[in-house]
C-alpha cells in the first residue's frame, strides 16, 4: 500500500490489530498519507492505541465487529440489506453463537463465490441470503 498509492488516498485499515507492543510499527508505513482510519474490534494494548491514534483516526470498539463500526460510523443512510449484512457479519466476526450456522454459511459463501455473484445474491436476497 505504502509504495503503490498516492499519499492523498484515504486508507482504511479494517479488522486488523497491532501485535502487542508494536503499535508504532503497525502505523508507521501509513504516516505519509493524508487520511488514515483504523477500524477494529480486537483487544489492544493502551500504549499501542495511543501510538496509532497519533497518526490515524481510530474507530475501535470491542462490542461491535469491524463491519458494524463501518456501518455505524461511515455510512450515513444505509440500505436495509447493508444493515442486515452487517448484523449477520457481526455474529461470525464476534463469535456470537446465536446465529452461528447462518454466519458460518455466509462466511463460506463469501469465501467461495465470485465477488460479483456474492454481491448479486446479497442484493437480491438481503437478510434471506443464507436460505438461498
Protein backbone atom coordinates (compact mmCIF):
# COMPACT_ATOMS: atom_id res chain seq x y z
CA UNK A 1 0.00 0.00 0.00
CA UNK A 2 2.71 2.43 1.02
CA UNK A 3 4.57 2.02 -2.26
CA UNK A 4 1.59 1.86 -4.62
CA UNK A 5 -0.83 4.58 -3.55
CA UNK A 6 -0.68 8.33 -3.78
CA UNK A 7 -0.38 9.98 -0.36
CA UNK A 8 -3.71 11.76 -0.99
CA UNK A 9 -5.51 8.40 -0.98
CA UNK A 10 -7.68 7.70 2.05
CA UNK A 11 -6.51 4.50 3.71
CA UNK A 12 -8.81 2.36 5.85
CA UNK A 13 -7.18 -0.46 7.82
CA UNK A 14 -10.02 -2.72 8.87
CA UNK A 15 -10.32 -5.63 11.28
CA UNK A 16 -6.61 -5.74 11.94
CA UNK A 17 -4.95 -5.08 15.28
CA UNK A 18 -1.31 -4.38 16.09
CA UNK A 19 0.65 -7.08 17.83
CA UNK A 20 1.08 -6.09 21.46
CA UNK A 21 3.84 -3.54 21.81
CA UNK A 22 4.09 -2.91 18.05
CA UNK A 23 1.69 -0.02 17.56
CA UNK A 24 4.39 2.20 16.08
CA UNK A 25 5.46 -0.47 13.59
CA UNK A 26 1.81 -1.09 12.69
CA UNK A 27 1.08 2.53 11.74
CA UNK A 28 4.48 3.79 10.51
CA UNK A 29 4.02 2.75 6.86
CA UNK A 30 0.93 4.97 6.67
CA UNK A 31 2.37 8.17 8.18
CA UNK A 32 2.69 9.87 4.79
CA UNK A 33 -0.99 9.51 3.90
CA UNK A 34 -3.26 12.49 4.48
CA UNK A 35 -6.15 10.45 5.87
CA UNK A 36 -5.87 7.10 7.64
CA UNK A 37 -8.62 5.28 9.54
CA UNK A 38 -8.12 2.17 11.64
CA UNK A 39 -11.32 0.20 12.25
CA UNK A 40 -11.06 -2.71 14.64
CA UNK A 41 -12.77 -4.67 17.43
CA UNK A 42 -9.87 -6.67 18.92
CA UNK A 43 -8.33 -6.01 22.33
CA UNK A 44 -5.44 -3.53 22.12
CA UNK A 45 -2.69 -2.52 24.48
CA UNK A 46 -3.28 1.09 25.61
CA UNK A 47 0.20 2.22 24.52
CA UNK A 48 -0.39 0.77 21.03
CA UNK A 49 -3.72 2.57 20.87
CA UNK A 50 -2.06 5.88 21.73
CA UNK A 51 0.70 5.42 19.13
CA UNK A 52 -1.78 4.61 16.38
CA UNK A 53 -4.18 7.37 17.43
CA UNK A 54 -1.34 9.86 16.98
CA UNK A 55 -1.18 9.03 13.24
CA UNK A 56 -4.70 7.86 12.35
CA UNK A 57 -8.35 8.28 13.22
CA UNK A 58 -9.12 5.20 15.30
CA UNK A 59 -12.57 3.61 15.27
CA UNK A 60 -12.19 0.96 17.95
CA UNK A 61 -14.95 -0.87 19.76
CA UNK A 62 -14.70 -4.35 21.25
CA UNK A 63 -18.52 -4.67 21.38
CA UNK A 64 -19.06 -4.26 17.62
CA UNK A 65 -17.36 -6.05 14.76
CA UNK A 66 -15.39 -4.01 12.22
CA UNK A 67 -18.25 -4.26 9.71
CA UNK A 68 -20.69 -2.81 12.23
CA UNK A 69 -18.29 0.01 13.06
CA UNK A 70 -18.05 0.88 9.35
CA UNK A 71 -21.83 0.61 9.04
CA UNK A 72 -22.45 2.89 12.02
CA UNK A 73 -19.67 5.45 11.51
CA UNK A 74 -19.04 5.64 7.76
CA UNK A 75 -22.47 5.13 6.13
CA UNK A 76 -24.92 7.98 6.66
CA UNK A 77 -28.11 6.31 5.44
CA UNK A 78 -27.52 2.58 4.91
CA UNK A 79 -29.95 0.49 2.90
CA UNK A 80 -31.72 -2.27 4.83
CA UNK A 81 -29.73 -5.03 3.15
CA UNK A 82 -26.47 -3.40 4.25
CA UNK A 83 -27.72 -3.30 7.84
CA UNK A 84 -28.80 -6.95 7.62
CA UNK A 85 -25.42 -7.96 6.27
CA UNK A 86 -23.58 -6.01 8.99
CA UNK A 87 -25.67 -7.70 11.68
CA UNK A 88 -25.04 -11.17 10.30
CA UNK A 89 -21.34 -10.46 9.85
CA UNK A 90 -21.15 -9.40 13.50
CA UNK A 91 -22.29 -12.82 14.61
CA UNK A 92 -19.49 -14.50 12.70
CA UNK A 93 -16.80 -11.95 13.47
CA UNK A 94 -17.51 -11.64 17.19
CA UNK A 95 -18.05 -15.38 17.69
CA UNK A 96 -21.59 -14.91 18.94
CA UNK A 97 -23.33 -18.28 18.96
CA UNK A 98 -26.94 -17.16 18.34
CA UNK A 99 -26.71 -17.32 14.55
CA UNK A 100 -23.52 -19.39 14.20
CA UNK A 101 -24.79 -21.72 11.46
CA UNK A 102 -26.04 -18.82 9.34
CA UNK A 103 -22.93 -16.73 9.82
CA UNK A 104 -20.63 -19.66 9.03
CA UNK A 105 -22.63 -20.25 5.83
CA UNK A 106 -22.26 -16.58 4.92
CA UNK A 107 -18.53 -16.79 5.52
CA UNK A 108 -18.28 -19.88 3.31
CA UNK A 109 -20.30 -18.21 0.56
CA UNK A 110 -18.19 -15.05 0.70
CA UNK A 111 -15.01 -17.11 0.53
CA UNK A 112 -16.01 -19.42 -2.32
CA UNK A 113 -18.30 -17.33 -4.54
CA UNK A 114 -17.04 -14.95 -7.17
CA UNK A 115 -17.28 -11.39 -5.88
CA UNK A 116 -19.88 -10.34 -8.46
CA UNK A 117 -22.06 -13.37 -7.68
CA UNK A 118 -21.85 -12.74 -3.94
CA UNK A 119 -22.90 -9.10 -4.37
CA UNK A 120 -25.70 -10.12 -6.76
CA UNK A 121 -27.03 -12.64 -4.21
CA UNK A 122 -26.73 -10.16 -1.33
CA UNK A 123 -28.69 -7.51 -3.24
CA UNK A 124 -31.34 -9.96 -4.44
CA UNK A 125 -31.94 -11.84 -1.19
CA UNK A 126 -30.88 -9.40 1.54
CA UNK A 127 -31.40 -10.92 5.00
CA UNK A 128 -32.66 -14.18 3.43
CA UNK A 129 -29.32 -14.72 1.66
CA UNK A 130 -28.40 -17.84 3.64
CA UNK A 131 -31.68 -19.57 2.84
CA UNK A 132 -30.96 -19.31 -0.90
